[in-house]
Amino acid sequence: MSYIPEKPGTWFVHFSNEHVQRQITLRPSQMPQLMIAGRDDLQMCQLTLSETGLTSKNGAEITVEEFEKQWTAAGGDS
């Protein structure tokens, strides 16, 4: 069995403490995927913030304003 990587794209996540509240997945040639906890739980990342390893990756953090900008640009309600 061979490993086929996911299509390239960008992933933005709004965490509240350790848990994902909102998630944006952007892939070339696809509509943005906007997901909200409590509505789209089965499609969202199930890892906690600690489990993602993002806290130890330099440059992984974005501001609240940048997330909101991406969310709105992708069609999310502000």
PDB file of N, CA and C in Angstrom:
ATOM      1  N   MET A   1       0.851  -1.159   0.000  1.00  0.00           N
ATOM      2  CA  MET A   1       0.000   0.000   0.000  1.00  0.00           C
ATOM      3  C   MET A   1       0.904   1.231   0.000  1.00  0.00           C
ATOM      4  N   SER A   2       0.599   2.187  -0.871  1.00  0.00           N
ATOM      5  CA  SER A   2       1.408   3.398  -0.923  1.00  0.00           C
ATOM      6  C   SER A   2       0.650   4.573  -0.309  1.00  0.00           C
ATOM      7  N   TYR A   3       1.409   5.526   0.152  1.00  0.00           N
ATOM      8  CA  TYR A   3       0.837   6.726   0.751  1.00  0.00           C
ATOM      9  C   TYR A   3       0.638   7.774  -0.328  1.00  0.00           C
ATOM     10  N   ILE A   4      -0.573   8.300  -0.445  1.00  0.00           N
ATOM     11  CA  ILE A   4      -0.863   9.385  -1.375  1.00  0.00           C
ATOM     12  C   ILE A   4      -1.199  10.609  -0.535  1.00  0.00           C
ATOM     13  N   PRO A   5      -0.358  11.635  -0.596  1.00  0.00           N
ATOM     14  CA  PRO A   5      -0.602  12.813   0.253  1.00  0.00           C
ATOM     15  C   PRO A   5      -1.878  13.539  -0.141  1.00  0.00           C
ATOM     16  N   GLU A   6      -2.440  14.240   0.828  1.00  0.00           N
ATOM     17  CA  GLU A   6      -3.617  15.081   0.580  1.00  0.00           C
ATOM     18  C   GLU A   6      -3.270  16.134  -0.465  1.00  0.00           C
ATOM     19  N   LYS A   7      -4.284  16.634  -1.130  1.00  0.00           N
ATOM     20  CA  LYS A   7      -4.069  17.728  -2.073  1.00  0.00           C
ATOM     21  C   LYS A   7      -3.512  18.923  -1.298  1.00  0.00           C
ATOM     22  N   PRO A   8      -2.600  19.681  -1.929  1.00  0.00           N
ATOM     23  CA  PRO A   8      -2.036  20.832  -1.222  1.00  0.00           C
ATOM     24  C   PRO A   8      -3.114  21.874  -0.925  1.00  0.00           C
ATOM     25  N   GLY A   9      -2.909  22.583   0.129  1.00  0.00           N
ATOM     26  CA  GLY A   9      -3.870  23.611   0.490  1.00  0.00           C
ATOM     27  C   GLY A   9      -3.432  24.321   1.749  1.00  0.00           C
ATOM     28  N   THR A  10      -4.339  25.127   2.260  1.00  0.00           N
ATOM     29  CA  THR A  10      -4.076  25.893   3.467  1.00  0.00           C
ATOM     30  C   THR A  10      -5.171  25.599   4.481  1.00  0.00           C
ATOM     31  N   TRP A  11      -4.783  25.536   5.733  1.00  0.00           N
ATOM     32  CA  TRP A  11      -5.694  25.177   6.813  1.00  0.00           C
ATOM     33  C   TRP A  11      -5.602  26.250   7.880  1.00  0.00           C
ATOM     34  N   PHE A  12      -6.732  26.856   8.207  1.00  0.00           N
ATOM     35  CA  PHE A  12      -6.807  27.847   9.275  1.00  0.00           C
ATOM     36  C   PHE A  12      -7.749  27.305  10.340  1.00  0.00           C
ATOM     37  N   VAL A  13      -7.350  27.435  11.594  1.00  0.00           N
ATOM     38  CA  VAL A  13      -8.183  26.916  12.682  1.00  0.00           C
ATOM     39  C   VAL A  13      -8.284  27.951  13.791  1.00  0.00           C
ATOM     40  N   HIS A  14      -9.499  28.120  14.282  1.00  0.00           N
ATOM     41  CA  HIS A  14      -9.750  28.976  15.447  1.00  0.00           C
ATOM     42  C   HIS A  14      -9.942  28.033  16.622  1.00  0.00           C
ATOM     43  N   PHE A  15      -8.989  28.055  17.542  1.00  0.00           N
ATOM     44  CA  PHE A  15      -9.078  27.238  18.751  1.00  0.00           C
ATOM     45  C   PHE A  15      -9.645  28.079  19.882  1.00  0.00           C
ATOM     46  N   SER A  16     -10.446  27.460  20.716  1.00  0.00           N
ATOM     47  CA  SER A  16     -10.867  28.043  21.975  1.00  0.00           C
ATOM     48  C   SER A  16     -10.267  27.133  23.032  1.00  0.00           C
ATOM     49  N   ASN A  17      -9.271  27.649  23.734  1.00  0.00           N
ATOM     50  CA  ASN A  17      -8.448  26.819  24.618  1.00  0.00           C
ATOM     51  C   ASN A  17      -7.849  25.693  23.786  1.00  0.00           C
ATOM     52  N   GLU A  18      -8.168  24.458  24.053  1.00  0.00           N
ATOM     53  CA  GLU A  18      -7.564  23.328  23.360  1.00  0.00           C
ATOM     54  C   GLU A  18      -8.398  22.799  22.186  1.00  0.00           C
ATOM     55  N   HIS A  19      -9.614  23.291  22.013  1.00  0.00           N
ATOM     56  CA  HIS A  19     -10.523  22.668  21.043  1.00  0.00           C
ATOM     57  C   HIS A  19     -10.845  23.562  19.853  1.00  0.00           C
ATOM     58  N   VAL A  20     -11.001  22.931  18.695  1.00  0.00           N
ATOM     59  CA  VAL A  20     -11.319  23.643  17.460  1.00  0.00           C
ATOM     60  C   VAL A  20     -12.744  24.197  17.544  1.00  0.00           C
ATOM     61  N   GLN A  21     -12.892  25.481  17.257  1.00  0.00           N
ATOM     62  CA  GLN A  21     -14.212  26.113  17.207  1.00  0.00           C
ATOM     63  C   GLN A  21     -14.654  26.334  15.765  1.00  0.00           C
ATOM     64  N   ARG A  22     -13.716  26.789  14.927  1.00  0.00           N
ATOM     65  CA  ARG A  22     -13.990  26.992  13.511  1.00  0.00           C
ATOM     66  C   ARG A  22     -12.770  26.557  12.708  1.00  0.00           C
ATOM     67  N   GLN A  23     -13.033  26.107  11.492  1.00  0.00           N
ATOM     68  CA  GLN A  23     -11.953  25.611  10.648  1.00  0.00           C
ATOM     69  C   GLN A  23     -12.223  26.024   9.204  1.00  0.00           C
ATOM     70  N   ILE A  24     -11.174  26.459   8.525  1.00  0.00           N
ATOM     71  CA  ILE A  24     -11.241  26.803   7.112  1.00  0.00           C
ATOM     72  C   ILE A  24     -10.222  25.932   6.384  1.00  0.00           C
ATOM     73  N   THR A  25     -10.647  25.261   5.327  1.00  0.00           N
ATOM     74  CA  THR A  25      -9.736  24.512   4.483  1.00  0.00           C
ATOM     75  C   THR A  25      -9.830  25.102   3.083  1.00  0.00           C
ATOM     76  N   LEU A  26      -8.682  25.560   2.573  1.00  0.00           N
ATOM     77  CA  LEU A  26      -8.613  26.140   1.237  1.00  0.00           C
ATOM     78  C   LEU A  26      -7.730  25.256   0.370  1.00  0.00           C
ATOM     79  N   ARG A  27      -8.276  24.813  -0.767  1.00  0.00           N
ATOM     80  CA  ARG A  27      -7.518  24.004  -1.717  1.00  0.00           C
ATOM     81  C   ARG A  27      -7.695  24.595  -3.108  1.00  0.00           C
ATOM     82  N   PRO A  28      -6.651  24.545  -3.921  1.00  0.00           N
ATOM     83  CA  PRO A  28      -6.776  25.056  -5.288  1.00  0.00           C
ATOM     84  C   PRO A  28      -7.915  24.340  -6.027  1.00  0.00           C
ATOM     85  N   SER A  29      -8.636  25.063  -6.807  1.00  0.00           N
ATOM     86  CA  SER A  29      -9.716  24.528  -7.659  1.00  0.00           C
ATOM     87  C   SER A  29     -10.888  23.947  -6.882  1.00  0.00           C
ATOM     88  N   GLN A  30     -11.026  24.280  -5.601  1.00  0.00           N
ATOM     89  CA  GLN A  30     -12.169  23.825  -4.803  1.00  0.00           C
ATOM     90  C   GLN A  30     -12.749  25.004  -4.035  1.00  0.00           C
ATOM     91  N   MET A  31     -14.033  24.905  -3.755  1.00  0.00           N
ATOM     92  CA  MET A  31     -14.670  25.915  -2.915  1.00  0.00           C
ATOM     93  C   MET A  31     -14.098  25.803  -1.500  1.00  0.00           C
ATOM     94  N   PRO A  32     -13.960  26.920  -0.787  1.00  0.00           N
ATOM     95  CA  PRO A  32     -13.484  26.863   0.600  1.00  0.00           C
ATOM     96  C   PRO A  32     -14.444  26.035   1.456  1.00  0.00           C
ATOM     97  N   GLN A  33     -13.898  25.297   2.393  1.00  0.00           N
ATOM     98  CA  GLN A  33     -14.701  24.541   3.356  1.00  0.00           C
ATOM     99  C   GLN A  33     -14.681  25.305   4.673  1.00  0.00           C
ATOM    100  N   LEU A  34     -15.848  25.748   5.104  1.00  0.00           N
ATOM    101  CA  LEU A  34     -15.996  26.451   6.378  1.00  0.00           C
ATOM    102  C   LEU A  34     -16.735  25.530   7.336  1.00  0.00           C
ATOM    103  N   MET A  35     -16.140  25.257   8.467  1.00  0.00           N
ATOM    104  CA  MET A  35     -16.747  24.336   9.427  1.00  0.00           C
ATOM    105  C   MET A  35     -16.816  24.977  10.805  1.00  0.00           C
ATOM    106  N   ILE A  36     -17.890  24.652  11.520  1.00  0.00           N
ATOM    107  CA  ILE A  36     -18.144  25.202  12.844  1.00  0.00           C
ATOM    108  C   ILE A  36     -18.405  24.052  13.814  1.00  0.00           C
ATOM    109  N   ALA A  37     -17.765  24.124  14.993  1.00  0.00           N
ATOM    110  CA  ALA A  37     -17.975  23.106  16.031  1.00  0.00           C
ATOM    111  C   ALA A  37     -19.448  23.051  16.403  1.00  0.00           C
ATOM    112  N   GLY A  38     -19.929  21.851  16.626  1.00  0.00           N
ATOM    113  CA  GLY A  38     -21.331  21.647  16.977  1.00  0.00           C
ATOM    114  C   GLY A  38     -22.206  21.420  15.759  1.00  0.00           C
ATOM    115  N   ARG A  39     -21.723  21.823  14.595  1.00  0.00           N
ATOM    116  CA  ARG A  39     -22.470  21.624  13.359  1.00  0.00           C
ATOM    117  C   ARG A  39     -21.739  20.654  12.435  1.00  0.00           C
ATOM    118  N   ASP A  40     -20.419  20.801  12.354  1.00  0.00           N
ATOM    119  CA  ASP A  40     -19.622  20.032  11.395  1.00  0.00           C
ATOM    120  C   ASP A  40     -18.585  19.140  12.078  1.00  0.00           C
ATOM    121  N   ASP A  41     -18.875  18.709  13.282  1.00  0.00           N
ATOM    122  CA  ASP A  41     -17.892  17.974  14.086  1.00  0.00           C
ATOM    123  C   ASP A  41     -17.276  16.770  13.377  1.00  0.00           C
ATOM    124  N   LEU A  42     -18.052  16.044  12.617  1.00  0.00           N
ATOM    125  CA  LEU A  42     -17.538  14.826  11.980  1.00  0.00           C
ATOM    126  C   LEU A  42     -16.535  15.118  10.865  1.00  0.00           C
ATOM    127  N   GLN A  43     -16.564  16.321  10.294  1.00  0.00           N
ATOM    128  CA  GLN A  43     -15.643  16.689   9.223  1.00  0.00           C
ATOM    129  C   GLN A  43     -14.433  17.478   9.731  1.00  0.00           C
ATOM    130  N   MET A  44     -14.495  17.944  10.966  1.00  0.00           N
ATOM    131  CA  MET A  44     -13.447  18.812  11.500  1.00  0.00           C
ATOM    132  C   MET A  44     -12.297  18.028  12.111  1.00  0.00           C
ATOM    133  N   CYS A  45     -11.168  18.723  12.259  1.00  0.00           N
ATOM    134  CA  CYS A  45     -10.026  18.165  12.954  1.00  0.00           C
ATOM    135  C   CYS A  45     -10.441  17.807  14.383  1.00  0.00           C
ATOM    136  N   GLN A  46     -10.103  16.613  14.805  1.00  0.00           N
ATOM    137  CA  GLN A  46     -10.468  16.161  16.146  1.00  0.00           C
ATOM    138  C   GLN A  46      -9.322  16.291  17.144  1.00  0.00           C
ATOM    139  N   LEU A  47      -8.183  16.790  16.681  1.00  0.00           N
ATOM    140  CA  LEU A  47      -7.029  16.937  17.559  1.00  0.00           C
ATOM    141  C   LEU A  47      -7.162  18.179  18.423  1.00  0.00           C
ATOM    142  N   THR A  48      -6.611  18.114  19.616  1.00  0.00           N
ATOM    143  CA  THR A  48      -6.538  19.310  20.458  1.00  0.00           C
ATOM    144  C   THR A  48      -5.373  20.168  19.965  1.00  0.00           C
ATOM    145  N   LEU A  49      -5.324  21.406  20.425  1.00  0.00           N
ATOM    146  CA  LEU A  49      -4.225  22.295  20.046  1.00  0.00           C
ATOM    147  C   LEU A  49      -2.879  21.659  20.389  1.00  0.00           C
ATOM    148  N   SER A  50      -2.750  21.077  21.560  1.00  0.00           N
ATOM    149  CA  SER A  50      -1.494  20.424  21.964  1.00  0.00           C
ATOM    150  C   SER A  50      -1.133  19.280  21.031  1.00  0.00           C
ATOM    151  N   GLU A  51      -2.125  18.494  20.665  1.00  0.00           N
ATOM    152  CA  GLU A  51      -1.886  17.328  19.800  1.00  0.00           C
ATOM    153  C   GLU A  51      -1.459  17.713  18.384  1.00  0.00           C
ATOM    154  N   THR A  52      -1.852  18.890  17.903  1.00  0.00           N
ATOM    155  CA  THR A  52      -1.469  19.305  16.550  1.00  0.00           C
ATOM    156  C   THR A  52       0.006  19.629  16.434  1.00  0.00           C
ATOM    157  N   GLY A  53       0.628  20.004  17.543  1.00  0.00           N
ATOM    158  CA  GLY A  53       2.025  20.409  17.510  1.00  0.00           C
ATOM    159  C   GLY A  53       2.219  21.839  17.018  1.00  0.00           C
ATOM    160  N   LEU A  54       1.131  22.538  16.759  1.00  0.00           N
ATOM    161  CA  LEU A  54       1.229  23.896  16.232  1.00  0.00           C
ATOM    162  C   LEU A  54       1.900  24.870  17.195  1.00  0.00           C
ATOM    163  N   THR A  55       1.771  24.631  18.480  1.00  0.00           N
ATOM    164  CA  THR A  55       2.352  25.557  19.450  1.00  0.00           C
ATOM    165  C   THR A  55       3.878  25.567  19.405  1.00  0.00           C
ATOM    166  N   SER A  56       4.479  24.534  18.833  1.00  0.00           N
ATOM    167  CA  SER A  56       5.944  24.488  18.744  1.00  0.00           C
ATOM    168  C   SER A  56       6.456  24.789  17.334  1.00  0.00           C
ATOM    169  N   LYS A  57       5.556  25.116  16.413  1.00  0.00           N
ATOM    170  CA  LYS A  57       5.964  25.444  15.040  1.00  0.00           C
ATOM    171  C   LYS A  57       6.064  26.956  14.891  1.00  0.00           C
ATOM    172  N   ASN A  58       7.252  27.412  14.559  1.00  0.00           N
ATOM    173  CA  ASN A  58       7.494  28.831  14.382  1.00  0.00           C
ATOM    174  C   ASN A  58       6.663  29.371  13.219  1.00  0.00           C
ATOM    175  N   GLY A  59       5.908  30.445  13.458  1.00  0.00           N
ATOM    176  CA  GLY A  59       5.118  31.072  12.409  1.00  0.00           C
ATOM    177  C   GLY A  59       3.756  30.454  12.153  1.00  0.00           C
ATOM    178  N   ALA A  60       3.346  29.477  12.960  1.00  0.00           N
ATOM    179  CA  ALA A  60       2.055  28.817  12.747  1.00  0.00           C
ATOM    180  C   ALA A  60       0.883  29.650  13.260  1.00  0.00           C
ATOM    181  N   GLU A  61       1.129  30.541  14.193  1.00  0.00           N
ATOM    182  CA  GLU A  61       0.055  31.329  14.805  1.00  0.00           C
ATOM    183  C   GLU A  61      -0.310  32.524  13.927  1.00  0.00           C
ATOM    184  N   ILE A  62      -1.621  32.788  13.821  1.00  0.00           N
ATOM    185  CA  ILE A  62      -2.100  33.994  13.151  1.00  0.00           C
ATOM    186  C   ILE A  62      -2.950  34.778  14.142  1.00  0.00           C
ATOM    187  N   THR A  63      -3.159  36.037  13.846  1.00  0.00           N
ATOM    188  CA  THR A  63      -3.963  36.869  14.734  1.00  0.00           C
ATOM    189  C   THR A  63      -5.447  36.584  14.544  1.00  0.00           C
ATOM    190  N   VAL A  64      -6.231  37.006  15.511  1.00  0.00           N
ATOM    191  CA  VAL A  64      -7.691  36.897  15.418  1.00  0.00           C
ATOM    192  C   VAL A  64      -8.171  37.641  14.175  1.00  0.00           C
ATOM    193  N   GLU A  65      -7.602  38.804  13.939  1.00  0.00           N
ATOM    194  CA  GLU A  65      -7.996  39.618  12.788  1.00  0.00           C
ATOM    195  C   GLU A  65      -7.729  38.893  11.469  1.00  0.00           C
ATOM    196  N   GLU A  66      -6.570  38.230  11.359  1.00  0.00           N
ATOM    197  CA  GLU A  66      -6.235  37.490  10.137  1.00  0.00           C
ATOM    198  C   GLU A  66      -7.188  36.312   9.934  1.00  0.00           C
ATOM    199  N   PHE A  67      -7.518  35.593  11.017  1.00  0.00           N
ATOM    200  CA  PHE A  67      -8.475  34.496  10.879  1.00  0.00           C
ATOM    201  C   PHE A  67      -9.822  35.037  10.399  1.00  0.00           C
ATOM    202  N   GLU A  68     -10.294  36.107  11.021  1.00  0.00           N
ATOM    203  CA  GLU A  68     -11.587  36.691  10.637  1.00  0.00           C
ATOM    204  C   GLU A  68     -11.573  37.160   9.176  1.00  0.00           C
ATOM    205  N   LYS A  69     -10.455  37.717   8.748  1.00  0.00           N
ATOM    206  CA  LYS A  69     -10.315  38.147   7.356  1.00  0.00           C
ATOM    207  C   LYS A  69     -10.442  36.946   6.425  1.00  0.00           C
ATOM    208  N   GLN A  70      -9.763  35.863   6.736  1.00  0.00           N
ATOM    209  CA  GLN A  70      -9.840  34.645   5.914  1.00  0.00           C
ATOM    210  C   GLN A  70     -11.241  34.050   5.940  1.00  0.00           C
ATOM    211  N   TRP A  71     -11.856  34.031   7.116  1.00  0.00           N
ATOM    212  CA  TRP A  71     -13.207  33.474   7.293  1.00  0.00           C
ATOM    213  C   TRP A  71     -14.220  34.240   6.419  1.00  0.00           C
ATOM    214  N   THR A  72     -14.151  35.555   6.494  1.00  0.00           N
ATOM    215  CA  THR A  72     -15.067  36.398   5.728  1.00  0.00           C
ATOM    216  C   THR A  72     -14.805  36.259   4.228  1.00  0.00           C
ATOM    217  N   ALA A  73     -13.528  36.280   3.836  1.00  0.00           N
ATOM    218  CA  ALA A  73     -13.175  36.153   2.422  1.00  0.00           C
ATOM    219  C   ALA A  73     -13.637  34.825   1.838  1.00  0.00           C
ATOM    220  N   ALA A  74     -13.693  33.788   2.680  1.00  0.00           N
ATOM    221  CA  ALA A  74     -14.123  32.463   2.224  1.00  0.00           C
ATOM    222  C   ALA A  74     -15.645  32.306   2.242  1.00  0.00           C
ATOM    223  N   GLY A  75     -16.355  33.357   2.690  1.00  0.00           N
ATOM    224  CA  GLY A  75     -17.809  33.312   2.671  1.00  0.00           C
ATOM    225  C   GLY A  75     -18.470  33.140   4.013  1.00  0.00           C
ATOM    226  N   GLY A  76     -17.682  33.151   5.088  1.00  0.00           N
ATOM    227  CA  GLY A  76     -18.241  32.994   6.425  1.00  0.00           C
ATOM    228  C   GLY A  76     -18.856  34.268   6.940  1.00  0.00           C
ATOM    229  N   ASP A  77     -19.817  34.126   7.819  1.00  0.00           N
ATOM    230  CA  ASP A  77     -20.447  35.278   8.463  1.00  0.00           C
ATOM    231  C   ASP A  77     -19.456  35.907   9.425  1.00  0.00           C
ATOM    232  N   SER A  78     -19.469  37.236   9.444  1.00  0.00           N
ATOM    233  CA  SER A  78     -18.554  37.930  10.362  1.00  0.00           C
ATOM    234  C   SER A  78     -19.184  38.160  11.702  1.00  0.00           C
TER     235      SER A  78
END
